[in-house]
C-alpha cells in the first residue's frame, strides 16, 4: 500500500475515526494535499505529540 492515504484509509489503519484524523492533521499541522495524507508524517507527528504531552505541546 502507498504512503499517501485518504483520511478514510488512514483512519482504518490508525484506529481513529475519519473526522478525528482530519482534526489531528489540522491541529498538528500535517498537510492534506489533494485529499491525501502522508502516512509516515502523520504517524511521526502523532507520536511526537504524545511524547511531549498536551500541556507542553500547547506551548509550542
C-alpha atoms as a PDB file:
ATOM      1  CA  UNK A   1       0.000   0.000   0.000  1.00  0.00           C
ATOM      2  CA  UNK A   2       1.209   3.536  -0.748  1.00  0.00           C
ATOM      3  CA  UNK A   3       2.469   6.082   1.699  1.00  0.00           C
ATOM      4  CA  UNK A   4      -0.155   8.723   0.838  1.00  0.00           C
ATOM      5  CA  UNK A   5      -3.611   7.765   2.041  1.00  0.00           C
ATOM      6  CA  UNK A   6      -7.063   9.302   2.108  1.00  0.00           C
ATOM      7  CA  UNK A   7      -8.400  10.268   5.537  1.00  0.00           C
ATOM      8  CA  UNK A   8     -10.672   7.209   5.450  1.00  0.00           C
ATOM      9  CA  UNK A   9      -7.798   4.836   4.650  1.00  0.00           C
ATOM     10  CA  UNK A  10      -5.598   6.400   7.309  1.00  0.00           C
ATOM     11  CA  UNK A  11      -8.411   6.209   9.855  1.00  0.00           C
ATOM     12  CA  UNK A  12      -8.803   2.499   9.165  1.00  0.00           C
ATOM     13  CA  UNK A  13      -5.063   1.895   9.630  1.00  0.00           C
ATOM     14  CA  UNK A  14      -4.669   4.071  12.725  1.00  0.00           C
ATOM     15  CA  UNK A  15      -7.827   3.012  14.554  1.00  0.00           C
ATOM     16  CA  UNK A  16      -9.277   6.529  14.566  1.00  0.00           C
ATOM     17  CA  UNK A  17     -12.440   7.949  13.070  1.00  0.00           C
ATOM     18  CA  UNK A  18     -12.095   9.811   9.743  1.00  0.00           C
ATOM     19  CA  UNK A  19     -13.118  13.115  11.335  1.00  0.00           C
ATOM     20  CA  UNK A  20     -10.513  12.619  14.078  1.00  0.00           C
ATOM     21  CA  UNK A  21      -7.759  12.064  11.504  1.00  0.00           C
ATOM     22  CA  UNK A  22      -8.693  15.328   9.785  1.00  0.00           C
ATOM     23  CA  UNK A  23      -8.925  17.175  13.101  1.00  0.00           C
ATOM     24  CA  UNK A  24      -5.476  15.910  14.158  1.00  0.00           C
ATOM     25  CA  UNK A  25      -3.996  16.977  10.825  1.00  0.00           C
ATOM     26  CA  UNK A  26      -5.359  20.487  11.293  1.00  0.00           C
ATOM     27  CA  UNK A  27      -4.344  20.614  14.967  1.00  0.00           C
ATOM     28  CA  UNK A  28      -0.804  19.312  14.403  1.00  0.00           C
ATOM     29  CA  UNK A  29      -0.126  20.966  11.059  1.00  0.00           C
ATOM     30  CA  UNK A  30       0.048  17.809   8.959  1.00  0.00           C
ATOM     31  CA  UNK A  31      -0.835  18.805   5.387  1.00  0.00           C
ATOM     32  CA  UNK A  32      -3.655  17.216   3.427  1.00  0.00           C
ATOM     33  CA  UNK A  33      -2.691  17.601  -0.223  1.00  0.00           C
ATOM     34  CA  UNK A  34      -5.154  16.669  -2.974  1.00  0.00           C
ATOM     35  CA  UNK A  35      -7.173  14.697  -0.426  1.00  0.00           C
ATOM     36  CA  UNK A  36      -4.203  12.564   0.672  1.00  0.00           C
ATOM     37  CA  UNK A  37      -2.144  12.496   3.859  1.00  0.00           C
ATOM     38  CA  UNK A  38       1.433  11.294   4.188  1.00  0.00           C
ATOM     39  CA  UNK A  39       1.059   8.280   6.482  1.00  0.00           C
ATOM     40  CA  UNK A  40       4.616   8.439   7.852  1.00  0.00           C
ATOM     41  CA  UNK A  41       4.401  12.163   8.590  1.00  0.00           C
ATOM     42  CA  UNK A  42       1.045  11.698  10.320  1.00  0.00           C
ATOM     43  CA  UNK A  43       2.261   8.811  12.472  1.00  0.00           C
ATOM     44  CA  UNK A  44       5.530  10.530  13.382  1.00  0.00           C
ATOM     45  CA  UNK A  45       3.767  13.759  14.291  1.00  0.00           C
ATOM     46  CA  UNK A  46       1.203  11.899  16.401  1.00  0.00           C
ATOM     47  CA  UNK A  47       3.987  10.025  18.202  1.00  0.00           C
ATOM     48  CA  UNK A  48       5.962  13.211  18.913  1.00  0.00           C
ATOM     49  CA  UNK A  49       2.832  14.949  20.172  1.00  0.00           C
ATOM     50  CA  UNK A  50       2.015  12.096  22.534  1.00  0.00           C
ATOM     51  CA  UNK A  51       5.592  12.058  23.866  1.00  0.00           C
ATOM     52  CA  UNK A  52       5.523  15.812  24.563  1.00  0.00           C
ATOM     53  CA  UNK A  53       2.201  15.652  26.326  1.00  0.00           C
ATOM     54  CA  UNK A  54      -0.694  18.029  25.647  1.00  0.00           C
ATOM     55  CA  UNK A  55       0.408  20.749  28.101  1.00  0.00           C
ATOM     56  CA  UNK A  56       3.911  21.060  26.649  1.00  0.00           C
ATOM     57  CA  UNK A  57       2.740  20.745  23.031  1.00  0.00           C
ATOM     58  CA  UNK A  58       0.189  23.544  23.537  1.00  0.00           C
ATOM     59  CA  UNK A  59       3.012  25.966  24.344  1.00  0.00           C
ATOM     60  CA  UNK A  60       4.823  25.301  21.058  1.00  0.00           C
END
